[in-house]
Amino acid sequence: MSSPVSGLRPNQLLAHMRAGETEVLYVLGNHATPRHVDFVCGTGLFQSLWFDLEHFDIPTQDLAVLNMVARAYPMTTIARFKAADYQSVMRVLESGVGGIMCAMVNSAEEARQIVSWAKFNNPAPGANEVVGTRGWNGGGVDARYGTLAAADYVRHQNNEVAILCQIETEEAAAVLDEIVAVPGVDGIFFGPGDYAHRIGKLGQIGHPDVIAVMARLAESCKRHGKFWGTLGPGKEMFRQVKGLGAQLICPGGDVRVMLNGIRELAKTFAEE
């Protein structure tokens, strides 16, 4: 569906989250290539793509190309990275992503700083629009190379680009309600792998202590009108986190597909 302003489209992920729907998220890191993006988008099986810049080196120029490929489909892109400075946030946003997933956010202060870096100062903000201190550049991919009116561009970036903070540590879990409540934070993505690791339950993403934090997060997000997501590898885990209220669920991505695919292929020549 096209936006009334040429070149701008409503954020499908945010629309689905606000409607209480669930989206399935496919993650790319090791094999984040234009052809892989085209293949996954073309299957029609996923609604959003997660580009993992935290653990993999995906330069912003390459990220922009990946976003251009995804743009041909009804797909929302999210880039995960450590939002430790203004320039990192700004460059990722200007690549044309539909959302940013900020790794290892441990306090409400960090979340507020990220929001400030990500939002423009709109002289005429709409109802509930959060503004910030983002530096101006109207010539990037996200501004359709200077073809958008400044007011339309600012309004779209402030309202139609998702900001997610990741809660992955004991420090963050202790103040999760404060992080969730930060204006401008649209949702939370819980990192069960890192959290389990931090509390000495390495690899046990379904451990009761991990699930307990998700339950607390679910309650907080519901109370503050935010959405949350997490990993859901395997049918059992997927159903469990969905039952807890997760709306944005990642069952896996490129690495899992490669592993499962090569094992399936090997069955054709394995000895009985």
C-alpha atoms as a PDB file:
ATOM      1  CA  MET A   1       0.000   0.000   0.000  1.00  0.00           C
ATOM      2  CA  SER A   2       1.428   3.369  -1.007  1.00  0.00           C
ATOM      3  CA  SER A   3       1.617   6.411   1.190  1.00  0.00           C
ATOM      4  CA  PRO A   4      -0.077   9.643   0.036  1.00  0.00           C
ATOM      5  CA  VAL A   5       3.443  11.057  -0.134  1.00  0.00           C
ATOM      6  CA  SER A   6       5.410   9.577  -3.035  1.00  0.00           C
ATOM      7  CA  GLY A   7       8.272   7.378  -1.855  1.00  0.00           C
ATOM      8  CA  LEU A   8       6.995   6.970   1.712  1.00  0.00           C
ATOM      9  CA  ARG A   9       5.155   3.921   2.955  1.00  0.00           C
ATOM     10  CA  PRO A  10       3.504   3.263   6.308  1.00  0.00           C
ATOM     11  CA  ASN A  11       5.549   0.978   8.538  1.00  0.00           C
ATOM     12  CA  GLN A  12       3.871  -2.410   8.193  1.00  0.00           C
ATOM     13  CA  LEU A  13       5.514  -3.811  11.324  1.00  0.00           C
ATOM     14  CA  LEU A  14       4.307  -0.946  13.509  1.00  0.00           C
ATOM     15  CA  ALA A  15       0.821  -1.199  12.020  1.00  0.00           C
ATOM     16  CA  HIS A  16       0.690  -4.912  12.817  1.00  0.00           C
ATOM     17  CA  MET A  17       2.030  -4.422  16.332  1.00  0.00           C
ATOM     18  CA  ARG A  18      -0.490  -1.684  17.078  1.00  0.00           C
ATOM     19  CA  ALA A  19      -3.262  -3.963  15.808  1.00  0.00           C
ATOM     20  CA  GLY A  20      -2.155  -6.716  18.200  1.00  0.00           C
ATOM     21  CA  GLU A  21      -0.945  -9.001  15.418  1.00  0.00           C
ATOM     22  CA  THR A  22       2.129 -11.248  15.322  1.00  0.00           C
ATOM     23  CA  GLU A  23       5.010 -10.996  12.863  1.00  0.00           C
ATOM     24  CA  VAL A  24       7.621 -13.645  12.124  1.00  0.00           C
ATOM     25  CA  LEU A  25      11.136 -12.239  11.815  1.00  0.00           C
ATOM     26  CA  TYR A  26      13.943 -13.760   9.702  1.00  0.00           C
ATOM     27  CA  VAL A  27      17.500 -12.915  10.750  1.00  0.00           C
ATOM     28  CA  LEU A  28      20.476 -12.483   8.401  1.00  0.00           C
ATOM     29  CA  GLY A  29      24.098 -12.067   9.384  1.00  0.00           C
ATOM     30  CA  ASN A  30      26.559 -14.594   7.939  1.00  0.00           C
ATOM     31  CA  HIS A  31      24.716 -14.696   4.629  1.00  0.00           C
ATOM     32  CA  ALA A  32      23.253 -11.199   4.344  1.00  0.00           C
ATOM     33  CA  THR A  33      23.404 -10.823   0.564  1.00  0.00           C
ATOM     34  CA  PRO A  34      21.020  -9.181  -1.913  1.00  0.00           C
ATOM     35  CA  ARG A  35      20.154 -12.552  -3.461  1.00  0.00           C
ATOM     36  CA  HIS A  36      19.408 -14.097  -0.079  1.00  0.00           C
ATOM     37  CA  VAL A  37      17.152 -11.162   0.777  1.00  0.00           C
ATOM     38  CA  ASP A  38      15.400 -11.491  -2.576  1.00  0.00           C
ATOM     39  CA  PHE A  39      14.899 -15.234  -2.047  1.00  0.00           C
ATOM     40  CA  VAL A  40      13.512 -14.922   1.490  1.00  0.00           C
ATOM     41  CA  CYS A  41      11.231 -12.015   0.595  1.00  0.00           C
ATOM     42  CA  GLY A  42      10.003 -13.873  -2.476  1.00  0.00           C
ATOM     43  CA  THR A  43       8.832 -16.850  -0.420  1.00  0.00           C
ATOM     44  CA  GLY A  44       6.179 -14.716   1.250  1.00  0.00           C
ATOM     45  CA  LEU A  45       6.720 -16.654   4.495  1.00  0.00           C
ATOM     46  CA  PHE A  46       8.061 -13.784   6.601  1.00  0.00           C
ATOM     47  CA  GLN A  47       6.854 -10.260   7.301  1.00  0.00           C
ATOM     48  CA  SER A  48      10.081  -8.664   8.482  1.00  0.00           C
ATOM     49  CA  LEU A  49      13.845  -9.036   8.132  1.00  0.00           C
ATOM     50  CA  TRP A  50      16.457  -8.541  10.835  1.00  0.00           C
ATOM     51  CA  PHE A  51      19.937  -7.549   9.681  1.00  0.00           C
ATOM     52  CA  ASP A  52      22.415  -8.348  12.439  1.00  0.00           C
ATOM     53  CA  LEU A  53      25.095  -5.655  12.459  1.00  0.00           C
ATOM     54  CA  GLU A  54      26.048  -6.424  16.042  1.00  0.00           C
ATOM     55  CA  HIS A  55      27.749  -9.754  15.394  1.00  0.00           C
ATOM     56  CA  PHE A  56      28.513  -9.369  11.686  1.00  0.00           C
ATOM     57  CA  ASP A  57      30.273  -6.719   9.610  1.00  0.00           C
ATOM     58  CA  ILE A  58      27.599  -5.299   7.312  1.00  0.00           C
ATOM     59  CA  PRO A  59      28.759  -1.832   6.183  1.00  0.00           C
ATOM     60  CA  THR A  60      26.077   0.831   5.891  1.00  0.00           C
ATOM     61  CA  GLN A  61      26.538   0.969   2.102  1.00  0.00           C
ATOM     62  CA  ASP A  62      25.770  -2.764   1.889  1.00  0.00           C
ATOM     63  CA  LEU A  63      22.898  -2.335   4.336  1.00  0.00           C
ATOM     64  CA  ALA A  64      21.375   0.265   2.025  1.00  0.00           C
ATOM     65  CA  VAL A  65      21.516  -2.189  -0.896  1.00  0.00           C
ATOM     66  CA  LEU A  66      19.861  -4.924   1.197  1.00  0.00           C
ATOM     67  CA  ASN A  67      17.101  -2.481   2.102  1.00  0.00           C
ATOM     68  CA  MET A  68      16.604  -1.566  -1.556  1.00  0.00           C
ATOM     69  CA  VAL A  69      16.048  -5.216  -2.442  1.00  0.00           C
ATOM     70  CA  ALA A  70      13.591  -5.699   0.421  1.00  0.00           C
ATOM     71  CA  ARG A  71      11.765  -2.534  -0.613  1.00  0.00           C
ATOM     72  CA  ALA A  72      10.413  -4.355  -3.670  1.00  0.00           C
ATOM     73  CA  TYR A  73       8.316  -6.504  -1.317  1.00  0.00           C
ATOM     74  CA  PRO A  74       5.807  -5.866   1.495  1.00  0.00           C
ATOM     75  CA  MET A  75       8.604  -6.335   4.011  1.00  0.00           C
ATOM     76  CA  THR A  76       9.886  -4.307   6.968  1.00  0.00           C
ATOM     77  CA  THR A  77      13.619  -4.281   7.682  1.00  0.00           C
ATOM     78  CA  ILE A  78      15.208  -3.938  11.116  1.00  0.00           C
ATOM     79  CA  ALA A  79      18.907  -3.418  11.796  1.00  0.00           C
ATOM     80  CA  ARG A  80      20.377  -4.622  15.097  1.00  0.00           C
ATOM     81  CA  PHE A  81      23.513  -2.880  16.368  1.00  0.00           C
ATOM     82  CA  LYS A  82      24.997  -1.348  19.493  1.00  0.00           C
ATOM     83  CA  ALA A  83      23.628   2.214  19.467  1.00  0.00           C
ATOM     84  CA  ALA A  84      26.550   3.657  21.410  1.00  0.00           C
ATOM     85  CA  ASP A  85      26.917   6.945  19.532  1.00  0.00           C
ATOM     86  CA  TYR A  86      24.955   9.409  17.430  1.00  0.00           C
ATOM     87  CA  GLN A  87      26.761   8.695  14.145  1.00  0.00           C
ATOM     88  CA  SER A  88      26.041   4.951  14.263  1.00  0.00           C
ATOM     89  CA  VAL A  89      22.331   5.567  14.813  1.00  0.00           C
ATOM     90  CA  MET A  90      22.100   8.244  12.131  1.00  0.00           C
ATOM     91  CA  ARG A  91      23.928   6.236   9.451  1.00  0.00           C
ATOM     92  CA  VAL A  92      21.835   3.124   9.995  1.00  0.00           C
ATOM     93  CA  LEU A  93      18.614   5.160   9.798  1.00  0.00           C
ATOM     94  CA  GLU A  94      19.754   6.843   6.590  1.00  0.00           C
ATOM     95  CA  SER A  95      20.239   3.425   4.958  1.00  0.00           C
ATOM     96  CA  GLY A  96      16.449   3.166   4.754  1.00  0.00           C
ATOM     97  CA  VAL A  97      15.633   0.654   7.492  1.00  0.00           C
ATOM     98  CA  GLY A  98      12.127   0.373   8.875  1.00  0.00           C
ATOM     99  CA  GLY A  99      13.408   0.024  12.396  1.00  0.00           C
ATOM    100  CA  ILE A 100      16.445  -0.188  14.651  1.00  0.00           C
ATOM    101  CA  MET A 101      17.043  -2.825  17.311  1.00  0.00           C
ATOM    102  CA  CYS A 102      19.483  -1.438  19.861  1.00  0.00           C
ATOM    103  CA  ALA A 103      21.572  -4.097  21.579  1.00  0.00           C
ATOM    104  CA  MET A 104      22.452  -4.205  25.277  1.00  0.00           C
ATOM    105  CA  VAL A 105      20.346  -1.310  26.531  1.00  0.00           C
ATOM    106  CA  ASN A 106      20.808  -1.378  30.299  1.00  0.00           C
ATOM    107  CA  SER A 107      18.999   1.732  31.515  1.00  0.00           C
ATOM    108  CA  ALA A 108      16.227   4.184  30.768  1.00  0.00           C
ATOM    109  CA  GLU A 109      18.891   6.869  30.328  1.00  0.00           C
ATOM    110  CA  GLU A 110      20.464   4.892  27.480  1.00  0.00           C
ATOM    111  CA  ALA A 111      17.055   4.409  25.887  1.00  0.00           C
ATOM    112  CA  ARG A 112      16.269   8.131  26.093  1.00  0.00           C
ATOM    113  CA  GLN A 113      19.608   8.977  24.473  1.00  0.00           C
ATOM    114  CA  ILE A 114      18.938   6.577  21.592  1.00  0.00           C
ATOM    115  CA  VAL A 115      15.497   8.084  21.039  1.00  0.00           C
ATOM    116  CA  SER A 116      17.007  11.569  20.983  1.00  0.00           C
ATOM    117  CA  TRP A 117      19.596  10.538  18.383  1.00  0.00           C
ATOM    118  CA  ALA A 118      16.945   8.842  16.240  1.00  0.00           C
ATOM    119  CA  LYS A 119      14.238  11.538  16.228  1.00  0.00           C
ATOM    120  CA  PHE A 120      14.216  14.880  14.426  1.00  0.00           C
ATOM    121  CA  ASN A 121      13.144  18.138  16.053  1.00  0.00           C
ATOM    122  CA  ASN A 122       9.800  18.640  14.315  1.00  0.00           C
ATOM    123  CA  PRO A 123       8.655  22.283  14.685  1.00  0.00           C
ATOM    124  CA  ALA A 124       5.043  21.093  14.322  1.00  0.00           C
ATOM    125  CA  PRO A 125       4.860  17.653  15.953  1.00  0.00           C
ATOM    126  CA  GLY A 126       1.704  15.620  15.765  1.00  0.00           C
ATOM    127  CA  ALA A 127      -0.181  14.157  18.702  1.00  0.00           C
ATOM    128  CA  ASN A 128       2.074  11.846  20.726  1.00  0.00           C
ATOM    129  CA  GLU A 129       5.010  12.479  18.358  1.00  0.00           C
ATOM    130  CA  VAL A 130       8.356  12.272  20.156  1.00  0.00           C
ATOM    131  CA  VAL A 131      11.054  14.659  18.933  1.00  0.00           C
ATOM    132  CA  GLY A 132      14.810  14.611  19.345  1.00  0.00           C
ATOM    133  CA  THR A 133      18.155  15.996  18.232  1.00  0.00           C
ATOM    134  CA  ARG A 134      18.916  13.999  15.085  1.00  0.00           C
ATOM    135  CA  GLY A 135      21.164  15.822  12.636  1.00  0.00           C
ATOM    136  CA  TRP A 136      19.715  16.940   9.330  1.00  0.00           C
ATOM    137  CA  ASN A 137      20.408  15.311   5.983  1.00  0.00           C
ATOM    138  CA  GLY A 138      17.629  15.247   3.437  1.00  0.00           C
ATOM    139  CA  GLY A 139      19.631  13.544   0.704  1.00  0.00           C
ATOM    140  CA  GLY A 140      19.914   9.970   1.979  1.00  0.00           C
ATOM    141  CA  VAL A 141      18.138   6.780   0.998  1.00  0.00           C
ATOM    142  CA  ASP A 142      15.526   7.316   3.712  1.00  0.00           C
ATOM    143  CA  ALA A 143      14.715  10.777   2.322  1.00  0.00           C
ATOM    144  CA  ARG A 144      14.500   9.381  -1.219  1.00  0.00           C
ATOM    145  CA  TYR A 145      17.578  11.375  -2.248  1.00  0.00           C
ATOM    146  CA  GLY A 146      16.239  14.831  -1.525  1.00  0.00           C
ATOM    147  CA  THR A 147      12.919  14.357  -3.314  1.00  0.00           C
ATOM    148  CA  LEU A 148      10.763  14.567  -0.193  1.00  0.00           C
ATOM    149  CA  ALA A 149       9.419  17.729   1.370  1.00  0.00           C
ATOM    150  CA  ALA A 150      11.250  18.347   4.640  1.00  0.00           C
ATOM    151  CA  ALA A 151       8.079  18.258   6.748  1.00  0.00           C
ATOM    152  CA  ASP A 152       6.951  14.941   5.226  1.00  0.00           C
ATOM    153  CA  TYR A 153      10.371  13.380   5.721  1.00  0.00           C
ATOM    154  CA  VAL A 154      10.622  14.452   9.367  1.00  0.00           C
ATOM    155  CA  ARG A 155       7.080  13.339  10.161  1.00  0.00           C
ATOM    156  CA  HIS A 156       7.652   9.941   8.577  1.00  0.00           C
ATOM    157  CA  GLN A 157      10.966   9.312  10.307  1.00  0.00           C
ATOM    158  CA  ASN A 158       9.611  10.334  13.700  1.00  0.00           C
ATOM    159  CA  ASN A 159       6.434   8.261  13.427  1.00  0.00           C
ATOM    160  CA  GLU A 160       7.042   5.421  10.971  1.00  0.00           C
ATOM    161  CA  VAL A 161      10.482   4.099  11.946  1.00  0.00           C
ATOM    162  CA  ALA A 162      10.424   1.631  14.841  1.00  0.00           C
ATOM    163  CA  ILE A 163      12.789   1.929  17.799  1.00  0.00           C
ATOM    164  CA  LEU A 164      13.348  -1.283  19.748  1.00  0.00           C
ATOM    165  CA  CYS A 165      15.575  -1.622  22.787  1.00  0.00           C
ATOM    166  CA  GLN A 166      17.067  -4.978  23.677  1.00  0.00           C
ATOM    167  CA  ILE A 167      16.918  -6.206  27.268  1.00  0.00           C
ATOM    168  CA  GLU A 168      19.580  -8.872  27.653  1.00  0.00           C
ATOM    169  CA  THR A 169      21.237  -8.451  31.038  1.00  0.00           C
ATOM    170  CA  GLU A 170      20.431  -8.636  34.737  1.00  0.00           C
ATOM    171  CA  GLU A 171      21.039  -4.881  34.982  1.00  0.00           C
ATOM    172  CA  ALA A 172      18.414  -4.195  32.321  1.00  0.00           C
ATOM    173  CA  ALA A 173      15.965  -6.731  33.744  1.00  0.00           C
ATOM    174  CA  ALA A 174      16.142  -4.973  37.105  1.00  0.00           C
ATOM    175  CA  VAL A 175      14.884  -1.730  35.539  1.00  0.00           C
ATOM    176  CA  LEU A 176      12.913  -3.123  32.613  1.00  0.00           C
ATOM    177  CA  ASP A 177       9.757  -1.178  33.484  1.00  0.00           C
ATOM    178  CA  GLU A 178      11.718   2.085  33.336  1.00  0.00           C
ATOM    179  CA  ILE A 179      13.141   1.194  29.910  1.00  0.00           C
ATOM    180  CA  VAL A 180       9.755   0.151  28.542  1.00  0.00           C
ATOM    181  CA  ALA A 181       8.200   3.428  29.727  1.00  0.00           C
ATOM    182  CA  VAL A 182      10.621   5.696  27.799  1.00  0.00           C
ATOM    183  CA  PRO A 183       8.663   7.813  25.281  1.00  0.00           C
ATOM    184  CA  GLY A 184       9.700   7.029  21.716  1.00  0.00           C
ATOM    185  CA  VAL A 185      10.627   3.416  22.440  1.00  0.00           C
ATOM    186  CA  ASP A 186       8.111   1.432  20.384  1.00  0.00           C
ATOM    187  CA  GLY A 187       8.999  -2.006  21.640  1.00  0.00           C
ATOM    188  CA  ILE A 188      11.424  -4.297  23.416  1.00  0.00           C
ATOM    189  CA  PHE A 189      13.270  -7.302  22.040  1.00  0.00           C
ATOM    190  CA  PHE A 190      14.329  -9.691  24.767  1.00  0.00           C
ATOM    191  CA  GLY A 191      17.634 -11.516  24.224  1.00  0.00           C
ATOM    192  CA  PRO A 192      17.236 -14.918  25.920  1.00  0.00           C
ATOM    193  CA  GLY A 193      20.656 -16.199  24.839  1.00  0.00           C
ATOM    194  CA  ASP A 194      22.610 -13.360  26.401  1.00  0.00           C
ATOM    195  CA  TYR A 195      20.396 -13.239  29.470  1.00  0.00           C
ATOM    196  CA  ALA A 196      20.725 -16.992  30.090  1.00  0.00           C
ATOM    197  CA  HIS A 197      24.486 -16.650  29.636  1.00  0.00           C
ATOM    198  CA  ARG A 198      24.684 -13.777  32.127  1.00  0.00           C
ATOM    199  CA  ILE A 199      22.830 -15.682  34.855  1.00  0.00           C
ATOM    200  CA  GLY A 200      24.922 -18.841  34.436  1.00  0.00           C
ATOM    201  CA  LYS A 201      22.389 -20.808  32.370  1.00  0.00           C
ATOM    202  CA  LEU A 202      24.344 -20.894  29.127  1.00  0.00           C
ATOM    203  CA  GLY A 203      22.240 -22.161  26.232  1.00  0.00           C
ATOM    204  CA  GLN A 204      19.132 -22.623  28.388  1.00  0.00           C
ATOM    205  CA  ILE A 205      16.892 -20.026  26.757  1.00  0.00           C
ATOM    206  CA  GLY A 206      13.799 -21.821  28.007  1.00  0.00           C
ATOM    207  CA  HIS A 207      14.957 -21.964  31.642  1.00  0.00           C
ATOM    208  CA  PRO A 208      12.266 -20.879  34.146  1.00  0.00           C
ATOM    209  CA  ASP A 209      14.425 -17.939  35.281  1.00  0.00           C
ATOM    210  CA  VAL A 210      14.587 -16.695  31.685  1.00  0.00           C
ATOM    211  CA  ILE A 211      10.885 -17.218  31.060  1.00  0.00           C
ATOM    212  CA  ALA A 212      10.098 -15.369  34.299  1.00  0.00           C
ATOM    213  CA  VAL A 213      11.756 -12.211  32.953  1.00  0.00           C
ATOM    214  CA  MET A 214       9.786 -12.523  29.714  1.00  0.00           C
ATOM    215  CA  ALA A 215       6.579 -12.732  31.743  1.00  0.00           C
ATOM    216  CA  ARG A 216       7.535  -9.544  33.612  1.00  0.00           C
ATOM    217  CA  LEU A 217       8.383  -7.852  30.335  1.00  0.00           C
ATOM    218  CA  ALA A 218       5.071  -8.895  28.817  1.00  0.00           C
ATOM    219  CA  GLU A 219       3.180  -7.352  31.732  1.00  0.00           C
ATOM    220  CA  SER A 220       5.173  -4.127  31.569  1.00  0.00           C
ATOM    221  CA  CYS A 221       4.740  -3.749  27.800  1.00  0.00           C
ATOM    222  CA  LYS A 222       1.008  -4.350  28.065  1.00  0.00           C
ATOM    223  CA  ARG A 223       0.703  -1.733  30.789  1.00  0.00           C
ATOM    224  CA  HIS A 224       2.683   0.868  28.814  1.00  0.00           C
ATOM    225  CA  GLY A 225       1.101   0.107  25.438  1.00  0.00           C
ATOM    226  CA  LYS A 226       4.303  -1.233  23.874  1.00  0.00           C
ATOM    227  CA  PHE A 227       5.008  -4.467  21.984  1.00  0.00           C
ATOM    228  CA  TRP A 228       7.767  -6.975  22.601  1.00  0.00           C
ATOM    229  CA  GLY A 229       9.519  -9.764  20.786  1.00  0.00           C
ATOM    230  CA  THR A 230      12.138 -12.438  21.253  1.00  0.00           C
ATOM    231  CA  LEU A 231      13.635 -15.592  19.765  1.00  0.00           C
ATOM    232  CA  GLY A 232      11.405 -18.603  19.193  1.00  0.00           C
ATOM    233  CA  PRO A 233      13.511 -21.434  17.727  1.00  0.00           C
ATOM    234  CA  GLY A 234      11.564 -24.676  17.406  1.00  0.00           C
ATOM    235  CA  LYS A 235       7.808 -25.164  17.628  1.00  0.00           C
ATOM    236  CA  GLU A 236       7.717 -25.514  21.408  1.00  0.00           C
ATOM    237  CA  MET A 237       9.658 -22.320  22.114  1.00  0.00           C
ATOM    238  CA  PHE A 238       7.772 -20.408  19.420  1.00  0.00           C
ATOM    239  CA  ARG A 239       4.417 -21.364  20.930  1.00  0.00           C
ATOM    240  CA  GLN A 240       5.614 -20.624  24.451  1.00  0.00           C
ATOM    241  CA  VAL A 241       6.789 -17.070  23.764  1.00  0.00           C
ATOM    242  CA  LYS A 242       3.748 -16.348  21.621  1.00  0.00           C
ATOM    243  CA  GLY A 243       1.592 -17.542  24.508  1.00  0.00           C
ATOM    244  CA  LEU A 244       3.389 -15.078  26.770  1.00  0.00           C
ATOM    245  CA  GLY A 245       2.408 -12.264  24.428  1.00  0.00           C
ATOM    246  CA  ALA A 246       5.439 -11.840  22.154  1.00  0.00           C
ATOM    247  CA  GLN A 247       4.326 -10.268  18.883  1.00  0.00           C
ATOM    248  CA  LEU A 248       7.648 -10.151  17.018  1.00  0.00           C
ATOM    249  CA  ILE A 249       9.154 -13.637  17.023  1.00  0.00           C
ATOM    250  CA  CYS A 250      12.337 -14.843  15.323  1.00  0.00           C
ATOM    251  CA  PRO A 251      12.483 -18.618  14.724  1.00  0.00           C
ATOM    252  CA  GLY A 252      15.920 -18.300  13.131  1.00  0.00           C
ATOM    253  CA  GLY A 253      17.414 -17.305   9.828  1.00  0.00           C
ATOM    254  CA  ASP A 254      20.292 -17.823   7.455  1.00  0.00           C
ATOM    255  CA  VAL A 255      22.493 -20.024   9.672  1.00  0.00           C
ATOM    256  CA  ARG A 256      19.616 -22.233  10.796  1.00  0.00           C
ATOM    257  CA  VAL A 257      18.387 -22.592   7.213  1.00  0.00           C
ATOM    258  CA  MET A 258      21.874 -23.547   5.987  1.00  0.00           C
ATOM    259  CA  LEU A 259      22.359 -26.118   8.753  1.00  0.00           C
ATOM    260  CA  ASN A 260      18.932 -27.684   8.343  1.00  0.00           C
ATOM    261  CA  GLY A 261      19.222 -27.634   4.572  1.00  0.00           C
ATOM    262  CA  ILE A 262      22.622 -29.315   4.389  1.00  0.00           C
ATOM    263  CA  ARG A 263      21.555 -31.979   6.881  1.00  0.00           C
ATOM    264  CA  GLU A 264      18.432 -32.669   4.831  1.00  0.00           C
ATOM    265  CA  LEU A 265      20.522 -32.871   1.666  1.00  0.00           C
ATOM    266  CA  ALA A 266      22.928 -35.320   3.314  1.00  0.00           C
ATOM    267  CA  LYS A 267      20.041 -37.708   3.929  1.00  0.00           C
ATOM    268  CA  THR A 268      19.933 -38.428   0.189  1.00  0.00           C
ATOM    269  CA  PHE A 269      23.331 -40.132   0.250  1.00  0.00           C
ATOM    270  CA  ALA A 270      23.609 -41.271   3.864  1.00  0.00           C
ATOM    271  CA  GLU A 271      24.076 -44.976   4.353  1.00  0.00           C
ATOM    272  CA  GLU A 272      21.087 -46.815   5.791  1.00  0.00           C
END
